[in-house]
């Protein structure tokens, strides 16, 4: 066991003489009942592939028995490595940490909930071998709430509007990435990040997709709440576009014009007598409330951008690693049977 007190170290996977062909990266947060079935199905698939591999689990501050189960698997399997955060930093940071610790020539990102099938990993690898930097597993016949499905569609559409890249399922948690592409990702050190946006931004014209099955979670509930999904959307919007700031500017111009027209209307109403004056007063009260709301929204948008600048300039790590379970002599990679 290696303690990493510095947390967000500059450690990177990268090429090394004993690098495995595959690194399977799995972020874990309170998935104690899913870890066992996932590990069994995943290792069987990897054995059948006949390639050297490692499995990198990242325990994102779980409060259940997830870490204990991961440690038990580590004790039995030399190709398993476990990274443990001191607290929950979120899925984006868990994936970012795994990318820095993974050594494989190809990295496969996989969720721990078994909503996508580990048995479909070979299909992503075959597509990646065609020369793509990144391959998405596009979920067909998605299972989940209407809100989650609508949110996923909305994010993919927003990604297209911002980057011009039409990825059908950009938020898929089932992705294969080339080693050099991951090394490029590791150069970015934003404290607030949306990896799907970064993937799309860097892989323009060099991405592929394959349809994959989508099932209900094996056990447990989704770890993303509505506020967390909103925060993730803000990360993407504020990291990849200045559009909200430009919208504030144009909205200001429009409201200035409307205000000028309103002043003329109020003057005319006031000349019509006391009834017209009272109506103008109520309109003014409503307009003040409306414009006050617009100002607060504008301040909030500015605050989002300013807050991100503040986070970036602080000497604060993006994540802090508590423990790393790995063999000191090698990556622990082994070849499938």
Protein backbone atom coordinates (compact mmCIF):
# COMPACT_ATOMS: atom_id res chain seq x y z
CA UNK A 1 0.00 0.00 0.00
CA UNK A 2 1.23 3.47 -0.90
CA UNK A 3 -0.06 6.59 0.82
CA UNK A 4 -0.24 9.61 -1.48
CA UNK A 5 -0.54 12.59 0.86
CA UNK A 6 -0.06 15.09 -1.93
CA UNK A 7 -3.24 13.89 -3.59
CA UNK A 8 -3.39 15.39 -7.05
CA UNK A 9 0.13 14.42 -7.97
CA UNK A 10 1.63 14.75 -11.42
CA UNK A 11 1.91 11.02 -11.63
CA UNK A 12 0.86 9.74 -15.00
CA UNK A 13 0.44 6.29 -16.45
CA UNK A 14 2.09 6.61 -19.81
CA UNK A 15 4.26 4.11 -21.65
CA UNK A 16 6.48 1.76 -19.64
CA UNK A 17 8.25 -1.49 -20.54
CA UNK A 18 5.71 -3.75 -18.80
CA UNK A 19 2.63 -1.72 -19.80
CA UNK A 20 -0.43 -3.93 -20.32
CA UNK A 21 -2.44 -3.85 -23.50
CA UNK A 22 -5.56 -2.77 -21.63
CA UNK A 23 -6.42 -0.69 -18.59
CA UNK A 24 -10.02 -0.96 -17.43
CA UNK A 25 -10.91 2.15 -15.42
CA UNK A 26 -13.89 1.91 -13.05
CA UNK A 27 -15.02 4.75 -10.73
CA UNK A 28 -16.80 3.42 -7.66
CA UNK A 29 -19.06 5.23 -5.21
CA UNK A 30 -21.16 3.13 -2.81
CA UNK A 31 -21.42 0.12 -5.14
CA UNK A 32 -20.70 -2.67 -2.65
CA UNK A 33 -23.30 -5.05 -4.11
CA UNK A 34 -22.24 -4.47 -7.71
CA UNK A 35 -18.48 -4.92 -7.34
CA UNK A 36 -18.48 -8.72 -7.08
CA UNK A 37 -20.70 -9.46 -10.12
CA UNK A 38 -18.94 -6.78 -12.15
CA UNK A 39 -15.49 -8.17 -11.35
CA UNK A 40 -16.49 -11.74 -12.24
CA UNK A 41 -18.02 -10.84 -15.59
CA UNK A 42 -15.24 -8.40 -16.44
CA UNK A 43 -12.38 -10.81 -15.72
CA UNK A 44 -14.06 -13.55 -17.74
CA UNK A 45 -14.33 -11.18 -20.71
CA UNK A 46 -10.70 -10.10 -20.35
CA UNK A 47 -9.49 -13.69 -20.11
CA UNK A 48 -11.32 -14.51 -23.33
CA UNK A 49 -9.65 -11.55 -25.08
CA UNK A 50 -6.20 -13.03 -24.52
CA UNK A 51 -4.53 -9.63 -23.92
CA UNK A 52 -2.53 -8.37 -20.96
CA UNK A 53 -4.62 -6.11 -18.78
CA UNK A 54 -5.02 -4.28 -15.50
CA UNK A 55 -8.17 -3.15 -13.69
CA UNK A 56 -7.99 0.24 -11.98
CA UNK A 57 -10.75 0.88 -9.45
CA UNK A 58 -11.16 4.37 -7.96
CA UNK A 59 -13.08 4.46 -4.69
CA UNK A 60 -14.58 7.96 -4.69
CA UNK A 61 -15.01 8.29 -0.93
CA UNK A 62 -17.54 5.46 -0.53
CA UNK A 63 -19.32 5.27 2.82
CA UNK A 64 -20.44 1.63 2.49
CA UNK A 65 -18.26 -1.50 2.22
CA UNK A 66 -17.06 -0.80 -1.33
CA UNK A 67 -13.42 -0.23 -0.36
CA UNK A 68 -13.27 -3.38 1.77
CA UNK A 69 -14.58 -5.44 -1.14
CA UNK A 70 -12.13 -3.82 -3.53
CA UNK A 71 -9.28 -4.55 -1.14
CA UNK A 72 -10.33 -8.21 -0.92
CA UNK A 73 -10.27 -8.44 -4.73
CA UNK A 74 -6.86 -6.73 -4.79
CA UNK A 75 -5.48 -9.28 -2.33
CA UNK A 76 -6.55 -12.12 -4.63
CA UNK A 77 -5.80 -10.67 -8.06
CA UNK A 78 -2.41 -9.23 -9.04
CA UNK A 79 -3.84 -7.27 -12.00
CA UNK A 80 -6.15 -5.19 -9.81
CA UNK A 81 -5.15 -1.75 -8.53
CA UNK A 82 -7.21 0.41 -6.19
CA UNK A 83 -7.07 4.18 -5.69
CA UNK A 84 -8.94 5.56 -2.69
CA UNK A 85 -9.97 9.20 -2.23
CA UNK A 86 -10.12 10.82 1.21
CA UNK A 87 -13.69 11.91 0.45
CA UNK A 88 -16.14 12.09 -2.40
CA UNK A 89 -14.80 14.31 -5.20
CA UNK A 90 -17.22 13.22 -7.92
CA UNK A 91 -17.09 10.91 -10.91
CA UNK A 92 -15.21 13.37 -13.12
CA UNK A 93 -12.32 13.55 -10.66
CA UNK A 94 -12.35 9.79 -10.09
CA UNK A 95 -11.91 9.21 -13.82
CA UNK A 96 -9.23 11.91 -14.00
CA UNK A 97 -7.27 10.22 -11.20
CA UNK A 98 -7.55 6.82 -12.87
CA UNK A 99 -6.22 8.25 -16.13
CA UNK A 100 -3.11 9.43 -14.27
CA UNK A 101 -2.56 5.99 -12.72
CA UNK A 102 -3.45 3.77 -15.70
CA UNK A 103 -0.58 2.25 -17.70
CA UNK A 104 -2.42 0.49 -20.52
CA UNK A 105 -1.91 1.13 -24.21
CA UNK A 106 -5.71 1.34 -24.46
CA UNK A 107 -7.93 2.59 -21.66
CA UNK A 108 -11.54 1.48 -21.33
CA UNK A 109 -13.86 3.48 -19.11
CA UNK A 110 -16.63 1.43 -17.49
CA UNK A 111 -19.28 2.26 -14.89
CA UNK A 112 -19.68 0.00 -11.86
CA UNK A 113 -23.47 -0.33 -12.04
CA UNK A 114 -23.56 -3.00 -14.80
CA UNK A 115 -25.94 -0.94 -16.92
CA UNK A 116 -23.61 -1.60 -19.84
CA UNK A 117 -22.26 -5.08 -20.42
CA UNK A 118 -18.54 -5.80 -19.86
CA UNK A 119 -18.91 -8.49 -22.51
CA UNK A 120 -19.16 -5.74 -25.15
CA UNK A 121 -15.64 -4.40 -24.51
CA UNK A 122 -14.21 -6.29 -27.54
CA UNK A 123 -16.56 -4.38 -29.86
CA UNK A 124 -15.17 -1.04 -28.66
CA UNK A 125 -11.61 -2.31 -29.07
CA UNK A 126 -12.25 -3.48 -32.63
CA UNK A 127 -13.62 -0.07 -33.53
CA UNK A 128 -10.72 1.72 -31.85
CA UNK A 129 -8.28 -0.38 -33.89
CA UNK A 130 -9.64 1.26 -37.04
CA UNK A 131 -7.63 4.35 -36.13
CA UNK A 132 -9.93 6.34 -33.85
CA UNK A 133 -8.73 8.28 -30.80
CA UNK A 134 -11.87 7.47 -28.86
CA UNK A 135 -14.86 5.16 -29.30
CA UNK A 136 -18.19 5.66 -27.53
CA UNK A 137 -20.55 2.88 -26.59
CA UNK A 138 -23.88 4.37 -27.69
CA UNK A 139 -26.64 3.04 -25.47
CA UNK A 140 -29.66 1.69 -27.37
CA UNK A 141 -33.13 1.40 -25.85
CA UNK A 142 -32.00 3.27 -22.76
CA UNK A 143 -33.38 2.20 -19.40
CA UNK A 144 -34.02 4.89 -16.80
CA UNK A 145 -36.31 7.70 -15.80
CA UNK A 146 -37.69 10.08 -18.40
CA UNK A 147 -35.83 12.93 -16.69
CA UNK A 148 -32.45 11.17 -17.00
CA UNK A 149 -33.05 10.24 -20.64
CA UNK A 150 -34.14 13.77 -21.49
CA UNK A 151 -31.12 15.17 -19.65
CA UNK A 152 -28.75 12.91 -21.58
CA UNK A 153 -30.34 13.95 -24.87
CA UNK A 154 -30.11 17.59 -23.85
CA UNK A 155 -26.42 17.32 -23.01
CA UNK A 156 -25.62 15.64 -26.33
CA UNK A 157 -27.54 18.36 -28.17
CA UNK A 158 -25.80 21.09 -26.16
CA UNK A 159 -22.43 19.49 -26.92
CA UNK A 160 -23.23 19.61 -30.61
CA UNK A 161 -24.27 23.25 -30.43
CA UNK A 162 -21.06 24.23 -28.65
CA UNK A 163 -18.47 22.02 -30.39
CA UNK A 164 -20.18 21.17 -33.70
CA UNK A 165 -19.60 17.45 -32.99
CA UNK A 166 -22.73 15.33 -33.19
CA UNK A 167 -22.03 12.44 -30.80
CA UNK A 168 -25.27 10.50 -30.25
CA UNK A 169 -24.51 9.55 -26.63
CA UNK A 170 -21.70 11.82 -25.46
CA UNK A 171 -22.41 11.16 -21.76
CA UNK A 172 -21.91 7.41 -22.15
CA UNK A 173 -19.87 5.92 -19.34
CA UNK A 174 -18.63 3.16 -21.65
CA UNK A 175 -15.71 4.48 -23.72
CA UNK A 176 -12.43 3.18 -25.17
CA UNK A 177 -9.53 5.63 -25.52
CA UNK A 178 -6.12 5.45 -27.18
CA UNK A 179 -3.09 5.88 -24.87
CA UNK A 180 -1.85 9.01 -26.61
CA UNK A 181 -5.30 10.56 -26.32
CA UNK A 182 -5.35 9.89 -22.57
CA UNK A 183 -1.87 11.40 -22.22
CA UNK A 184 -3.27 14.56 -23.83
CA UNK A 185 -6.24 14.55 -21.42
CA UNK A 186 -3.78 14.35 -18.52
CA UNK A 187 -2.27 17.69 -19.57
CA UNK A 188 -5.48 19.46 -18.55
CA UNK A 189 -5.76 20.32 -14.86
CA UNK A 190 -9.06 22.20 -14.45
CA UNK A 191 -10.57 21.95 -10.98
CA UNK A 192 -14.07 21.96 -12.51
CA UNK A 193 -14.33 19.72 -15.52
CA UNK A 194 -16.72 17.92 -17.81
CA UNK A 195 -14.78 15.12 -19.45
CA UNK A 196 -17.31 14.34 -22.18
CA UNK A 197 -16.92 17.90 -23.43
CA UNK A 198 -13.13 17.64 -23.28
CA UNK A 199 -13.20 14.31 -25.14
CA UNK A 200 -15.30 15.81 -27.92
CA UNK A 201 -13.25 18.99 -28.12
CA UNK A 202 -9.98 17.06 -28.53
CA UNK A 203 -11.18 14.26 -30.81
CA UNK A 204 -12.70 16.31 -33.61
CA UNK A 205 -13.10 13.99 -36.61
CA UNK A 206 -11.29 11.09 -34.91
CA UNK A 207 -14.03 9.46 -32.84
CA UNK A 208 -16.12 6.39 -33.46
CA UNK A 209 -19.23 4.83 -31.96
CA UNK A 210 -20.74 1.38 -31.62
CA UNK A 211 -24.26 0.53 -30.38
CA UNK A 212 -24.31 -1.28 -27.04
CA UNK A 213 -27.04 -2.74 -24.88
CA UNK A 214 -28.32 -0.82 -21.87
CA UNK A 215 -29.89 -2.46 -18.84
CA UNK A 216 -31.26 -1.46 -15.46
CA UNK A 217 -28.78 -1.09 -12.61
CA UNK A 218 -27.79 -4.43 -11.08
CA UNK A 219 -28.56 -3.06 -7.61
CA UNK A 220 -28.87 0.34 -5.96
CA UNK A 221 -29.85 3.76 -7.24
CA UNK A 222 -28.17 6.33 -9.44
CA UNK A 223 -25.60 8.44 -7.58
CA UNK A 224 -26.37 11.56 -9.63
CA UNK A 225 -29.00 13.86 -8.11
CA UNK A 226 -30.70 16.63 -10.08
CA UNK A 227 -28.51 19.36 -8.47
CA UNK A 228 -25.39 17.37 -9.38
CA UNK A 229 -26.56 17.04 -12.98
CA UNK A 230 -27.19 20.80 -13.10
CA UNK A 231 -23.70 21.44 -11.70
CA UNK A 232 -22.21 19.11 -14.33
CA UNK A 233 -24.05 21.01 -17.06
CA UNK A 234 -22.69 24.31 -15.72
CA UNK A 235 -19.18 22.84 -15.76
CA UNK A 236 -19.54 22.04 -19.43
CA UNK A 237 -21.13 25.36 -20.43
CA UNK A 238 -18.70 27.53 -18.48
CA UNK A 239 -15.61 25.52 -19.49
CA UNK A 240 -16.24 25.43 -23.22
CA UNK A 241 -18.11 28.56 -24.21
CA UNK A 242 -18.53 32.26 -23.43
CA UNK A 243 -22.09 32.15 -24.77
CA UNK A 244 -23.79 33.01 -21.43
CA UNK A 245 -21.67 36.17 -21.13
CA UNK A 246 -22.53 37.18 -24.68
CA UNK A 247 -26.20 36.53 -24.00
CA UNK A 248 -26.04 38.92 -21.04
CA UNK A 249 -24.63 41.65 -23.32
CA UNK A 250 -27.30 41.15 -26.00
CA UNK A 251 -30.05 40.91 -23.38
CA UNK A 252 -28.88 44.23 -21.96
CA UNK A 253 -29.14 45.90 -25.36
CA UNK A 254 -32.62 44.50 -25.94
CA UNK A 255 -33.84 45.54 -22.49
CA UNK A 256 -32.46 49.04 -22.98
CA UNK A 257 -34.49 49.35 -26.17
CA UNK A 258 -37.62 47.99 -24.50
CA UNK A 259 -37.16 50.39 -21.59
CA UNK A 260 -37.02 53.35 -23.98
CA UNK A 261 -40.24 52.22 -25.65
CA UNK A 262 -41.87 51.70 -22.25
CA UNK A 263 -41.03 55.24 -21.16
CA UNK A 264 -42.87 56.61 -24.17
CA UNK A 265 -45.88 54.41 -23.43
CA UNK A 266 -45.91 55.48 -19.76
CA UNK A 267 -45.81 59.14 -20.79
CA UNK A 268 -48.80 58.63 -23.05
CA UNK A 269 -50.73 56.73 -20.35
CA UNK A 270 -50.02 59.42 -17.79
CA UNK A 271 -51.56 62.02 -20.11
CA UNK A 272 -54.78 60.00 -20.28
CA UNK A 273 -55.70 60.81 -16.69
CA UNK A 274 -55.62 59.23 -13.23
CA UNK A 275 -56.62 55.74 -14.38
CA UNK A 276 -53.85 55.71 -16.95
CA UNK A 277 -51.39 56.93 -14.31
CA UNK A 278 -52.27 54.09 -11.93
CA UNK A 279 -51.85 51.55 -14.72
CA UNK A 280 -48.48 53.01 -15.56
CA UNK A 281 -47.44 52.77 -11.89
CA UNK A 282 -48.28 49.05 -11.75
CA UNK A 283 -46.43 48.46 -14.98
CA UNK A 284 -43.40 50.24 -13.56
CA UNK A 285 -43.49 48.09 -10.41
CA UNK A 286 -43.65 44.91 -12.50
CA UNK A 287 -40.85 46.15 -14.76
CA UNK A 288 -38.61 46.92 -11.77
CA UNK A 289 -39.14 43.41 -10.44
CA UNK A 290 -38.42 41.89 -13.84
CA UNK A 291 -35.25 43.89 -14.41
CA UNK A 292 -34.08 43.12 -10.87
CA UNK A 293 -34.43 39.41 -11.65
CA UNK A 294 -32.48 39.85 -14.88
CA UNK A 295 -29.71 41.63 -12.99
CA UNK A 296 -29.50 38.83 -10.42
CA UNK A 297 -29.30 36.21 -13.16
CA UNK A 298 -26.55 38.21 -14.86
CA UNK A 299 -24.63 38.50 -11.59
CA UNK A 300 -25.05 34.77 -11.06
CA UNK A 301 -23.60 33.96 -14.48
CA UNK A 302 -20.68 36.29 -13.89
CA UNK A 303 -20.22 34.68 -10.47
CA UNK A 304 -20.01 31.21 -12.04
CA UNK A 305 -17.16 32.30 -14.31
CA UNK A 306 -15.42 34.30 -11.60
CA UNK A 307 -15.74 31.43 -9.12
CA UNK A 308 -14.07 29.06 -11.55
CA UNK A 309 -11.20 31.48 -12.03
CA UNK A 310 -10.87 31.65 -8.23
CA UNK A 311 -10.76 27.85 -7.96
CA UNK A 312 -8.11 27.59 -10.65
CA UNK A 313 -5.74 30.11 -9.08
CA UNK A 314 -5.96 28.60 -5.59
CA UNK A 315 -3.23 26.15 -4.57
CA UNK A 316 -5.78 23.43 -3.96
CA UNK A 317 -5.59 19.95 -5.53
CA UNK A 318 -8.45 18.77 -7.69
CA UNK A 319 -8.60 15.55 -5.65
CA UNK A 320 -6.74 13.99 -2.75
CA UNK A 321 -5.72 10.33 -2.77
CA UNK A 322 -5.70 8.58 0.59
CA UNK A 323 -4.39 5.15 -0.40
CA UNK A 324 -3.11 3.38 -3.49
CA UNK A 325 -3.15 -0.40 -3.53
CA UNK A 326 -0.69 -1.72 -6.10
CA UNK A 327 2.25 -4.07 -6.43
CA UNK A 328 5.56 -2.24 -6.28
CA UNK A 329 7.39 -4.42 -8.82
CA UNK A 330 5.07 -4.11 -11.80
CA UNK A 331 1.67 -2.96 -12.94
CA UNK A 332 0.27 -6.36 -12.06
CA UNK A 333 -0.84 -6.95 -15.62
CA UNK A 334 -1.49 -10.49 -16.74
CA UNK A 335 -2.51 -12.14 -19.95
CA UNK A 336 -5.93 -13.59 -20.43
CA UNK A 337 -6.29 -17.31 -20.74
